[in-house]
C-alpha atoms as a PDB file:
ATOM      1  CA  MET A   1      25.558 -33.975   6.515  1.00  0.00           C
ATOM      2  CA  ASP A   2      25.247 -30.165   6.322  1.00  0.00           C
ATOM      3  CA  LEU A   3      21.509 -29.592   6.538  1.00  0.00           C
ATOM      4  CA  SER A   4      21.946 -25.845   6.202  1.00  0.00           C
ATOM      5  CA  SER A   5      22.635 -26.365   2.524  1.00  0.00           C
ATOM      6  CA  LYS A   6      19.284 -28.007   1.988  1.00  0.00           C
ATOM      7  CA  PRO A   7      16.123 -25.929   1.283  1.00  0.00           C
ATOM      8  CA  ILE A   8      14.227 -27.679   4.090  1.00  0.00           C
ATOM      9  CA  PHE A   9      12.647 -24.417   5.293  1.00  0.00           C
ATOM     10  CA  LEU A  10      10.723 -23.907   2.055  1.00  0.00           C
ATOM     11  CA  PRO A  11       7.943 -26.433   2.758  1.00  0.00           C
ATOM     12  CA  SER A  12       7.501 -24.949   6.234  1.00  0.00           C
ATOM     13  CA  ILE A  13       7.041 -21.509   4.709  1.00  0.00           C
ATOM     14  CA  ALA A  14       4.557 -22.949   2.254  1.00  0.00           C
ATOM     15  CA  VAL A  15       2.586 -24.475   5.131  1.00  0.00           C
ATOM     16  CA  LEU A  16       2.557 -21.158   6.983  1.00  0.00           C
ATOM     17  CA  LEU A  17       1.404 -19.321   3.886  1.00  0.00           C
ATOM     18  CA  PHE A  18      -1.373 -21.838   3.372  1.00  0.00           C
ATOM     19  CA  PHE A  19      -2.576 -21.452   6.961  1.00  0.00           C
ATOM     20  CA  ALA A  20      -2.380 -17.672   6.749  1.00  0.00           C
ATOM     21  CA  CYS A  21      -4.328 -17.542   3.504  1.00  0.00           C
ATOM     22  CA  SER A  22      -6.877 -19.926   4.958  1.00  0.00           C
ATOM     23  CA  GLY A  23      -7.438 -17.631   7.933  1.00  0.00           C
ATOM     24  CA  PHE A  24      -6.030 -20.002  10.599  1.00  0.00           C
ATOM     25  CA  LEU A  25      -3.299 -17.582  11.732  1.00  0.00           C
ATOM     26  CA  VAL A  26      -5.540 -14.510  11.756  1.00  0.00           C
ATOM     27  CA  PRO A  27      -8.024 -13.922  14.609  1.00  0.00           C
ATOM     28  CA  HIS A  28     -11.619 -13.994  13.453  1.00  0.00           C
ATOM     29  CA  ILE A  29     -13.228 -10.547  13.303  1.00  0.00           C
ATOM     30  CA  GLU A  30     -16.986 -10.396  13.031  1.00  0.00           C
ATOM     31  CA  ALA A  31     -18.245  -8.807   9.820  1.00  0.00           C
ATOM     32  CA  ALA A  32     -19.062  -5.169  10.451  1.00  0.00           C
ATOM     33  CA  SER A  33     -22.171  -5.205   8.281  1.00  0.00           C
ATOM     34  CA  GLY A  34     -24.298  -6.055  11.320  1.00  0.00           C
ATOM     35  CA  TYR A  35     -23.527  -2.853  13.165  1.00  0.00           C
ATOM     36  CA  SER A  36     -21.782  -0.324  10.903  1.00  0.00           C
ATOM     37  CA  ASN A  37     -24.590   0.635   8.519  1.00  0.00           C
ATOM     38  CA  LEU A  38     -25.407   4.338   8.570  1.00  0.00           C
ATOM     39  CA  VAL A  39     -28.938   4.926   9.859  1.00  0.00           C
ATOM     40  CA  TYR A  40     -29.102   8.718   9.988  1.00  0.00           C
ATOM     41  CA  ASN A  41     -27.165  11.836  10.880  1.00  0.00           C
ATOM     42  CA  SER A  42     -28.022  15.344  11.996  1.00  0.00           C
ATOM     43  CA  CYS A  43     -25.734  18.379  12.049  1.00  0.00           C
ATOM     44  CA  ALA A  44     -25.987  21.668  13.908  1.00  0.00           C
ATOM     45  CA  ASN A  45     -26.429  24.802  11.818  1.00  0.00           C
ATOM     46  CA  GLN A  46     -23.572  26.592  13.543  1.00  0.00           C
ATOM     47  CA  THR A  47     -20.119  25.981  12.117  1.00  0.00           C
ATOM     48  CA  LEU A  48     -16.584  26.520  13.378  1.00  0.00           C
ATOM     49  CA  THR A  49     -15.489  30.163  13.513  1.00  0.00           C
ATOM     50  CA  ASP A  50     -12.489  31.957  15.019  1.00  0.00           C
ATOM     51  CA  PRO A  51     -10.475  30.567  16.600  1.00  0.00           C
ATOM     52  CA  ILE A  52     -10.951  27.646  14.202  1.00  0.00           C
ATOM     53  CA  GLU A  53      -7.771  25.838  15.223  1.00  0.00           C
ATOM     54  CA  SER A  54      -8.719  25.865  18.890  1.00  0.00           C
ATOM     55  CA  TYR A  55     -12.176  24.415  18.235  1.00  0.00           C
ATOM     56  CA  SER A  56     -10.836  21.832  15.798  1.00  0.00           C
ATOM     57  CA  GLN A  57      -8.180  20.609  18.213  1.00  0.00           C
ATOM     58  CA  THR A  58     -10.665  20.434  21.081  1.00  0.00           C
ATOM     59  CA  LEU A  59     -13.147  18.456  18.997  1.00  0.00           C
ATOM     60  CA  SER A  60     -10.421  16.085  17.794  1.00  0.00           C
ATOM     61  CA  SER A  61      -9.363  15.504  21.405  1.00  0.00           C
ATOM     62  CA  LEU A  62     -12.929  14.733  22.435  1.00  0.00           C
ATOM     63  CA  LEU A  63     -13.476  12.279  19.577  1.00  0.00           C
ATOM     64  CA  GLY A  64     -10.186  10.581  20.392  1.00  0.00           C
ATOM     65  CA  ILE A  65     -11.225  10.144  24.019  1.00  0.00           C
ATOM     66  CA  LEU A  66     -14.632   8.742  23.069  1.00  0.00           C
ATOM     67  CA  THR A  67     -13.038   6.257  20.689  1.00  0.00           C
ATOM     68  CA  ALA A  68     -10.508   5.116  23.297  1.00  0.00           C
ATOM     69  CA  LYS A  69     -13.216   4.685  25.930  1.00  0.00           C
ATOM     70  CA  SER A  70     -15.193   2.402  23.610  1.00  0.00           C
ATOM     71  CA  LEU A  71     -12.488  -0.251  24.038  1.00  0.00           C
ATOM     72  CA  HIS A  72     -13.716  -0.947  27.558  1.00  0.00           C
ATOM     73  CA  SER A  73     -17.191   0.526  27.818  1.00  0.00           C
ATOM     74  CA  SER A  74     -20.415   0.622  25.823  1.00  0.00           C
ATOM     75  CA  PHE A  75     -21.323   4.114  27.023  1.00  0.00           C
ATOM     76  CA  PHE A  76     -19.370   7.207  27.969  1.00  0.00           C
ATOM     77  CA  LYS A  77     -19.969  10.934  28.127  1.00  0.00           C
ATOM     78  CA  GLY A  78     -17.622  13.771  28.935  1.00  0.00           C
ATOM     79  CA  SER A  79     -16.332  17.186  27.979  1.00  0.00           C
ATOM     80  CA  VAL A  80     -13.028  18.632  26.796  1.00  0.00           C
ATOM     81  CA  GLY A  81     -11.766  22.209  26.621  1.00  0.00           C
ATOM     82  CA  ASP A  82     -12.003  25.492  28.507  1.00  0.00           C
ATOM     83  CA  HIS A  83     -14.001  28.710  28.339  1.00  0.00           C
ATOM     84  CA  HIS A  84     -12.409  29.529  24.977  1.00  0.00           C
ATOM     85  CA  ALA A  85     -13.422  26.296  23.259  1.00  0.00           C
ATOM     86  CA  ALA A  86     -15.242  23.405  24.923  1.00  0.00           C
ATOM     87  CA  PHE A  87     -17.077  20.377  23.558  1.00  0.00           C
ATOM     88  CA  PHE A  88     -19.396  17.901  25.238  1.00  0.00           C
ATOM     89  CA  GLY A  89     -19.873  14.473  23.717  1.00  0.00           C
ATOM     90  CA  LEU A  90     -20.972  10.906  24.255  1.00  0.00           C
ATOM     91  CA  PHE A  91     -21.209   7.553  22.550  1.00  0.00           C
ATOM     92  CA  GLN A  92     -23.311   4.469  23.140  1.00  0.00           C
ATOM     93  CA  CYS A  93     -23.118   1.014  21.632  1.00  0.00           C
ATOM     94  CA  ARG A  94     -25.921  -1.475  21.169  1.00  0.00           C
ATOM     95  CA  GLY A  95     -26.230  -3.620  24.278  1.00  0.00           C
ATOM     96  CA  ASP A  96     -25.473  -6.925  22.524  1.00  0.00           C
ATOM     97  CA  LEU A  97     -22.130  -5.844  21.028  1.00  0.00           C
ATOM     98  CA  SER A  98     -18.849  -7.108  22.446  1.00  0.00           C
ATOM     99  CA  ASN A  99     -16.161  -4.628  23.513  1.00  0.00           C
ATOM    100  CA  ALA A 100     -14.219  -5.317  20.331  1.00  0.00           C
ATOM    101  CA  ASN A 101     -17.223  -4.727  18.089  1.00  0.00           C
ATOM    102  CA  CYS A 102     -18.238  -1.654  20.083  1.00  0.00           C
ATOM    103  CA  TYR A 103     -14.795  -0.171  19.496  1.00  0.00           C
ATOM    104  CA  ASN A 104     -14.858  -1.173  15.847  1.00  0.00           C
ATOM    105  CA  CYS A 105     -18.208   0.583  15.485  1.00  0.00           C
ATOM    106  CA  VAL A 106     -17.311   3.770  17.384  1.00  0.00           C
ATOM    107  CA  SER A 107     -13.909   4.135  15.714  1.00  0.00           C
ATOM    108  CA  ARG A 108     -15.678   4.651  12.380  1.00  0.00           C
ATOM    109  CA  LEU A 109     -17.666   7.617  13.649  1.00  0.00           C
ATOM    110  CA  PRO A 110     -15.092  10.470  13.922  1.00  0.00           C
ATOM    111  CA  ALA A 111     -14.162  10.323  10.234  1.00  0.00           C
ATOM    112  CA  LEU A 112     -17.779   9.740   9.267  1.00  0.00           C
ATOM    113  CA  SER A 113     -19.041  12.724  11.275  1.00  0.00           C
ATOM    114  CA  LYS A 114     -16.341  14.872   9.678  1.00  0.00           C
ATOM    115  CA  ARG A 115     -17.434  13.786   6.220  1.00  0.00           C
ATOM    116  CA  LEU A 116     -21.157  14.193   6.913  1.00  0.00           C
ATOM    117  CA  CYS A 117     -21.168  17.319   9.087  1.00  0.00           C
ATOM    118  CA  GLY A 118     -17.912  19.058   8.172  1.00  0.00           C
ATOM    119  CA  GLU A 119     -17.129  21.968  10.499  1.00  0.00           C
ATOM    120  CA  SER A 120     -20.455  21.851  12.314  1.00  0.00           C
ATOM    121  CA  LEU A 121     -20.363  22.690  16.027  1.00  0.00           C
ATOM    122  CA  GLY A 122     -22.672  19.814  16.820  1.00  0.00           C
ATOM    123  CA  ALA A 123     -23.577  16.456  15.311  1.00  0.00           C
ATOM    124  CA  ARG A 124     -25.197  13.107  15.942  1.00  0.00           C
ATOM    125  CA  VAL A 125     -24.302  10.166  13.727  1.00  0.00           C
ATOM    126  CA  GLN A 126     -26.207   6.926  14.210  1.00  0.00           C
ATOM    127  CA  LEU A 127     -24.989   3.579  12.930  1.00  0.00           C
ATOM    128  CA  SER A 128     -26.956   0.384  13.366  1.00  0.00           C
ATOM    129  CA  GLY A 129     -24.740  -0.631  16.292  1.00  0.00           C
ATOM    130  CA  CYS A 130     -23.636   2.628  17.888  1.00  0.00           C
ATOM    131  CA  TYR A 131     -23.868   6.390  17.738  1.00  0.00           C
ATOM    132  CA  ILE A 132     -21.860   9.435  18.663  1.00  0.00           C
ATOM    133  CA  GLN A 133     -23.129  12.852  19.649  1.00  0.00           C
ATOM    134  CA  TYR A 134     -21.253  16.070  20.393  1.00  0.00           C
ATOM    135  CA  GLU A 135     -21.837  19.800  20.576  1.00  0.00           C
ATOM    136  CA  ALA A 136     -19.789  22.858  21.395  1.00  0.00           C
ATOM    137  CA  ASP A 137     -20.494  24.751  24.599  1.00  0.00           C
ATOM    138  CA  GLY A 138     -23.314  27.186  23.934  1.00  0.00           C
ATOM    139  CA  VAL A 139     -24.903  25.251  21.075  1.00  0.00           C
ATOM    140  CA  ALA A 140     -28.617  24.871  21.791  1.00  0.00           C
ATOM    141  CA  GLU A 141     -29.622  21.283  22.575  1.00  0.00           C
ATOM    142  CA  ASN A 142     -33.062  20.082  21.543  1.00  0.00           C
ATOM    143  CA  SER A 143     -35.426  19.061  24.309  1.00  0.00           C
ATOM    144  CA  GLU A 144     -35.799  15.359  25.081  1.00  0.00           C
ATOM    145  CA  PRO A 145     -37.386  13.012  24.290  1.00  0.00           C
ATOM    146  CA  GLU A 146     -38.227  14.080  20.744  1.00  0.00           C
ATOM    147  CA  LEU A 147     -38.411  11.911  17.651  1.00  0.00           C
ATOM    148  CA  LEU A 148     -35.092  12.062  15.843  1.00  0.00           C
ATOM    149  CA  TYR A 149     -35.652   9.543  13.094  1.00  0.00           C
ATOM    150  CA  LYS A 150     -38.093   6.851  12.010  1.00  0.00           C
ATOM    151  CA  LEU A 151     -37.997   4.187   9.335  1.00  0.00           C
ATOM    152  CA  CYS A 152     -41.108   2.151   8.570  1.00  0.00           C
ATOM    153  CA  SER A 153     -41.174  -0.707   6.071  1.00  0.00           C
ATOM    154  CA  GLU A 154     -43.253  -0.154   2.953  1.00  0.00           C
ATOM    155  CA  THR A 155     -44.453  -3.750   3.268  1.00  0.00           C
ATOM    156  CA  GLU A 156     -47.613  -4.054   5.330  1.00  0.00           C
ATOM    157  CA  ALA A 157     -48.707  -7.051   7.354  1.00  0.00           C
ATOM    158  CA  ARG A 158     -51.629  -8.978   5.919  1.00  0.00           C
ATOM    159  CA  GLY A 159     -54.060 -11.183   7.763  1.00  0.00           C
ATOM    160  CA  SER A 160     -55.115 -11.202  11.374  1.00  0.00           C
ATOM    161  CA  GLY A 161     -52.973 -11.373  14.467  1.00  0.00           C
ATOM    162  CA  PHE A 162     -50.290  -8.801  13.633  1.00  0.00           C
ATOM    163  CA  GLU A 163     -51.697  -5.924  15.670  1.00  0.00           C
ATOM    164  CA  GLU A 164     -52.285  -8.145  18.692  1.00  0.00           C
ATOM    165  CA  MET A 165     -48.792  -9.673  18.578  1.00  0.00           C
ATOM    166  CA  ARG A 166     -47.097  -6.304  18.115  1.00  0.00           C
ATOM    167  CA  THR A 167     -49.143  -4.745  20.930  1.00  0.00           C
ATOM    168  CA  GLU A 168     -48.157  -7.626  23.184  1.00  0.00           C
ATOM    169  CA  ALA A 169     -44.508  -7.234  22.183  1.00  0.00           C
ATOM    170  CA  PHE A 170     -44.606  -3.498  22.843  1.00  0.00           C
ATOM    171  CA  ALA A 171     -46.089  -4.090  26.283  1.00  0.00           C
ATOM    172  CA  ALA A 172     -43.289  -6.566  26.995  1.00  0.00           C
ATOM    173  CA  VAL A 173     -40.587  -4.136  25.945  1.00  0.00           C
ATOM    174  CA  GLU A 174     -41.960  -1.320  28.084  1.00  0.00           C
ATOM    175  CA  MET A 175     -41.710  -3.600  31.105  1.00  0.00           C
ATOM    176  CA  GLY A 176     -38.457  -5.165  29.951  1.00  0.00           C
ATOM    177  CA  VAL A 177     -36.404  -1.975  29.741  1.00  0.00           C
ATOM    178  CA  LYS A 178     -37.467  -1.100  33.272  1.00  0.00           C
ATOM    179  CA  SER A 179     -36.171  -4.413  34.599  1.00  0.00           C
ATOM    180  CA  SER A 180     -32.971  -4.516  32.513  1.00  0.00           C
ATOM    181  CA  GLY A 181     -30.966  -2.625  35.142  1.00  0.00           C
ATOM    182  CA  ASN A 182     -28.359  -0.026  34.260  1.00  0.00           C
ATOM    183  CA  ASN A 183     -27.718  -1.559  30.864  1.00  0.00           C
ATOM    184  CA  GLY A 184     -31.002  -0.239  29.456  1.00  0.00           C
ATOM    185  CA  PHE A 185     -30.965  -2.834  26.664  1.00  0.00           C
ATOM    186  CA  TYR A 186     -33.786  -5.278  26.030  1.00  0.00           C
ATOM    187  CA  GLN A 187     -34.482  -7.817  23.302  1.00  0.00           C
ATOM    188  CA  GLU A 188     -37.500 -10.071  23.072  1.00  0.00           C
ATOM    189  CA  THR A 189     -39.423 -12.351  20.759  1.00  0.00           C
ATOM    190  CA  SER A 190     -43.172 -12.301  21.222  1.00  0.00           C
ATOM    191  CA  GLY A 191     -45.139 -14.551  18.906  1.00  0.00           C
ATOM    192  CA  GLU A 192     -43.873 -13.714  15.442  1.00  0.00           C
ATOM    193  CA  VAL A 193     -42.518 -10.291  16.404  1.00  0.00           C
ATOM    194  CA  ASN A 194     -38.850  -9.761  17.205  1.00  0.00           C
ATOM    195  CA  LEU A 195     -38.027  -6.462  18.879  1.00  0.00           C
ATOM    196  CA  MET A 196     -35.096  -4.642  20.395  1.00  0.00           C
ATOM    197  CA  ALA A 197     -35.023  -1.566  22.615  1.00  0.00           C
ATOM    198  CA  GLN A 198     -32.378   0.496  24.341  1.00  0.00           C
ATOM    199  CA  CYS A 199     -32.264   3.584  26.547  1.00  0.00           C
ATOM    200  CA  HIS A 200     -29.468   6.010  27.295  1.00  0.00           C
ATOM    201  CA  ARG A 201     -27.321   4.515  30.007  1.00  0.00           C
ATOM    202  CA  ASP A 202     -27.656   7.683  32.088  1.00  0.00           C
ATOM    203  CA  LEU A 203     -31.458   7.462  32.330  1.00  0.00           C
ATOM    204  CA  ASP A 204     -33.072   6.150  35.482  1.00  0.00           C
ATOM    205  CA  ILE A 205     -35.750   3.457  35.318  1.00  0.00           C
ATOM    206  CA  CYS A 206     -38.671   5.870  35.213  1.00  0.00           C
ATOM    207  CA  GLU A 207     -37.092   8.075  32.535  1.00  0.00           C
ATOM    208  CA  CYS A 208     -36.260   5.039  30.426  1.00  0.00           C
ATOM    209  CA  GLY A 209     -39.802   3.724  30.715  1.00  0.00           C
ATOM    210  CA  GLU A 210     -41.266   7.112  29.787  1.00  0.00           C
ATOM    211  CA  CYS A 211     -39.027   7.437  26.744  1.00  0.00           C
ATOM    212  CA  MET A 212     -39.901   3.902  25.607  1.00  0.00           C
ATOM    213  CA  THR A 213     -43.615   4.600  26.033  1.00  0.00           C
ATOM    214  CA  ASN A 214     -43.223   7.562  23.681  1.00  0.00           C
ATOM    215  CA  ALA A 215     -41.273   5.415  21.208  1.00  0.00           C
ATOM    216  CA  VAL A 216     -44.004   2.756  21.231  1.00  0.00           C
ATOM    217  CA  GLN A 217     -46.635   5.414  20.585  1.00  0.00           C
ATOM    218  CA  VAL A 218     -44.672   6.765  17.633  1.00  0.00           C
ATOM    219  CA  ALA A 219     -44.240   3.263  16.203  1.00  0.00           C
ATOM    220  CA  GLN A 220     -47.958   2.581  16.435  1.00  0.00           C
ATOM    221  CA  GLU A 221     -48.961   5.913  14.920  1.00  0.00           C
ATOM    222  CA  GLU A 222     -46.274   6.288  12.274  1.00  0.00           C
ATOM    223  CA  CYS A 223     -45.558   2.716  11.182  1.00  0.00           C
ATOM    224  CA  LYS A 224     -49.169   1.517  11.439  1.00  0.00           C
ATOM    225  CA  SER A 225     -49.228  -1.931   9.741  1.00  0.00           C
ATOM    226  CA  SER A 226     -45.619  -1.955   8.543  1.00  0.00           C
ATOM    227  CA  VAL A 227     -43.938  -5.313   9.079  1.00  0.00           C
ATOM    228  CA  SER A 228     -40.881  -3.578  10.515  1.00  0.00           C
ATOM    229  CA  GLY A 229     -39.976  -0.244  11.996  1.00  0.00           C
ATOM    230  CA  GLN A 230     -37.136   1.648  13.645  1.00  0.00           C
ATOM    231  CA  ILE A 231     -37.782   4.536  16.007  1.00  0.00           C
ATOM    232  CA  TYR A 232     -35.005   6.757  17.357  1.00  0.00           C
ATOM    233  CA  MET A 233     -35.949   9.140  20.117  1.00  0.00           C
ATOM    234  CA  GLY A 234     -33.606  11.569  21.815  1.00  0.00           C
ATOM    235  CA  LYS A 235     -32.607   9.110  24.533  1.00  0.00           C
ATOM    236  CA  CYS A 236     -33.967   5.732  23.512  1.00  0.00           C
ATOM    237  CA  SER A 237     -34.575   3.589  20.461  1.00  0.00           C
ATOM    238  CA  LEU A 238     -36.974   0.839  19.435  1.00  0.00           C
ATOM    239  CA  SER A 239     -37.059  -1.534  16.488  1.00  0.00           C
ATOM    240  CA  TYR A 240     -39.338  -4.422  15.575  1.00  0.00           C
ATOM    241  CA  THR A 241     -39.735  -6.960  12.781  1.00  0.00           C
ATOM    242  CA  PHE A 242     -42.762  -9.136  12.082  1.00  0.00           C
ATOM    243  CA  TYR A 243     -42.239 -12.593  10.546  1.00  0.00           C
ATOM    244  CA  PRO A 244     -45.565 -13.955   9.270  1.00  0.00           C
ATOM    245  CA  ASN A 245     -44.000 -17.363   8.544  1.00  0.00           C
ATOM    246  CA  GLY A 246     -42.363 -17.617  11.943  1.00  0.00           C
ATOM    247  CA  ILE A 247     -39.111 -16.198  13.263  1.00  0.00           C
ATOM    248  CA  PRO A 248     -36.096 -18.008  11.770  1.00  0.00           C
ATOM    249  CA  SER A 249     -33.890 -19.850  14.233  1.00  0.00           C
ATOM    250  CA  THR A 250     -30.745 -17.750  14.449  1.00  0.00           C
ATOM    251  CA  ASN A 251     -28.435 -15.882  16.767  1.00  0.00           C
ATOM    252  CA  SER A 252     -28.809 -12.650  14.839  1.00  0.00           C
ATOM    253  CA  HIS A 253     -29.604  -9.678  17.052  1.00  0.00           C
ATOM    254  CA  HIS A 254     -30.649  -7.074  14.595  1.00  0.00           C
ATOM    255  CA  GLY A 255     -34.263  -6.939  13.544  1.00  0.00           C
ATOM    256  CA  ARG A 256     -33.922  -5.700  10.008  1.00  0.00           C
ATOM    257  CA  GLY A 257     -34.500  -8.893   8.049  1.00  0.00           C
ATOM    258  CA  HIS A 258     -30.965 -10.249   8.449  1.00  0.00           C
ATOM    259  CA  HIS A 259     -32.010 -13.423  10.293  1.00  0.00           C
ATOM    260  CA  GLU A 260     -32.203 -15.836   7.354  1.00  0.00           C
ATOM    261  CA  LYS A 261     -29.058 -14.433   5.829  1.00  0.00           C
ATOM    262  CA  GLY A 262     -27.284 -14.817   9.157  1.00  0.00           C
ATOM    263  CA  THR A 263     -28.205 -18.505   9.342  1.00  0.00           C
ATOM    264  CA  GLU A 264     -26.999 -19.183   5.830  1.00  0.00           C
ATOM    265  CA  THR A 265     -23.767 -17.274   6.442  1.00  0.00           C
ATOM    266  CA  SER A 266     -23.103 -19.190   9.663  1.00  0.00           C
ATOM    267  CA  SER A 267     -23.587 -22.556   7.911  1.00  0.00           C
ATOM    268  CA  ALA A 268     -21.340 -21.511   5.059  1.00  0.00           C
ATOM    269  CA  LYS A 269     -18.617 -20.431   7.496  1.00  0.00           C
ATOM    270  CA  MET A 270     -18.754 -23.748   9.341  1.00  0.00           C
ATOM    271  CA  ALA A 271     -18.492 -25.666   6.079  1.00  0.00           C
ATOM    272  CA  ALA A 272     -15.579 -23.519   4.924  1.00  0.00           C
ATOM    273  CA  ILE A 273     -13.763 -24.012   8.235  1.00  0.00           C
ATOM    274  CA  ALA A 274     -14.225 -27.785   8.054  1.00  0.00           C
ATOM    275  CA  VAL A 275     -12.951 -27.974   4.475  1.00  0.00           C
ATOM    276  CA  GLY A 276     -10.065 -25.648   5.263  1.00  0.00           C
ATOM    277  CA  ALA A 277      -9.052 -27.663   8.315  1.00  0.00           C
ATOM    278  CA  ALA A 278      -9.072 -30.899   6.353  1.00  0.00           C
ATOM    279  CA  ALA A 279      -7.041 -29.349   3.544  1.00  0.00           C
ATOM    280  CA  ALA A 280      -4.571 -27.847   6.015  1.00  0.00           C
ATOM    281  CA  LEU A 281      -4.082 -31.220   7.697  1.00  0.00           C
ATOM    282  CA  PHE A 282      -3.537 -32.925   4.344  1.00  0.00           C
ATOM    283  CA  PHE A 283      -0.974 -30.396   3.146  1.00  0.00           C
ATOM    284  CA  GLY A 284       0.764 -30.377   6.535  1.00  0.00           C
ATOM    285  CA  LEU A 285       1.236 -34.148   6.490  1.00  0.00           C
ATOM    286  CA  PHE A 286       2.271 -33.999   2.844  1.00  0.00           C
ATOM    287  CA  PHE A 287       5.000 -31.450   3.483  1.00  0.00           C
ATOM    288  CA  LEU A 288       6.227 -33.251   6.601  1.00  0.00           C
ATOM    289  CA  LYS A 289       6.584 -36.416   4.556  1.00  0.00           C
ATOM    290  CA  LEU A 290       8.379 -34.407   1.870  1.00  0.00           C
ATOM    291  CA  ILE A 291      10.799 -32.996   4.437  1.00  0.00           C
ATOM    292  CA  LYS A 292      11.605 -36.473   5.712  1.00  0.00           C
ATOM    293  CA  SER A 293      12.268 -37.695   2.179  1.00  0.00           C
ATOM    294  CA  TRP A 294      14.614 -34.761   1.529  1.00  0.00           C
ATOM    295  CA  VAL A 295      16.487 -35.396   4.772  1.00  0.00           C
ATOM    296  CA  LYS A 296      16.818 -39.090   3.946  1.00  0.00           C
ATOM    297  CA  LYS A 297      17.977 -38.270   0.427  1.00  0.00           C
ATOM    298  CA  GLY A 298      20.551 -35.871   1.859  1.00  0.00           C
ATOM    299  CA  ASP A 299      21.896 -38.546   4.207  1.00  0.00           C
ATOM    300  CA  ASP A 300      22.188 -40.984   1.325  1.00  0.00           C
ATOM    301  CA  ASP A 301      24.068 -38.400  -0.721  1.00  0.00           C
ATOM    302  CA  PHE A 302      26.355 -37.736   2.198  1.00  0.00           C
END
């Protein structure tokens, strides 16, 4: 029997298409919504002047280097150029991001900084999971550690206990960042308050602690009774979320009210995977049986 004349390969292709459409042949990539949201941006007043091409090429080279470095590191700083045109820059990812997600986050920033800041000679663009900062040689850098950005929830905590729990959480984070080592990242749940803090990787323990103390003070003074707040200083950041009904059980790391949604999404994904696996098994067995019947039919015809 000449099997090459039989369309036996068609069911196999159908099986492959089913698996591909079901996501079984494609590596799972974590949804970027947890770390790619734009938080804020700031742009230097100075813009590119002659020689524009030289500055543009130098900046592009720097951004390319920063993006490439994010494949293997969560923090990097460096400079590119010469006395004619030089740029200094750095990036840092949130301490709980994997290398793949860090890269995915940082790789969005060059195009985003171009869109937001245009031909500016300096910029800082902060996403929820990473940020990038660069400036041309000679551009004045603001003193550290100043407040760059704050976001306080309009919802205020009601009832007793909030101030005490948040104060306790803030005390824990000030000690936590000092004991976190070179990573400078700390996350903690204290009572019904979930908080996250991170320092520049190039800060020593004392500098990190000082910056975090300033961030805590800003949060207390600016956010007052807000149930959540985000504070971005020059070289550290702090965020907290208060859950009056108790912190949901979840693996979510970002304290902006995504915990319940994260739990529901995780359950839905598990259910979808189970259903997809069962369907894939059924169709696989079905097509294998169909192949055997075609082969048998071909032998009978022969």
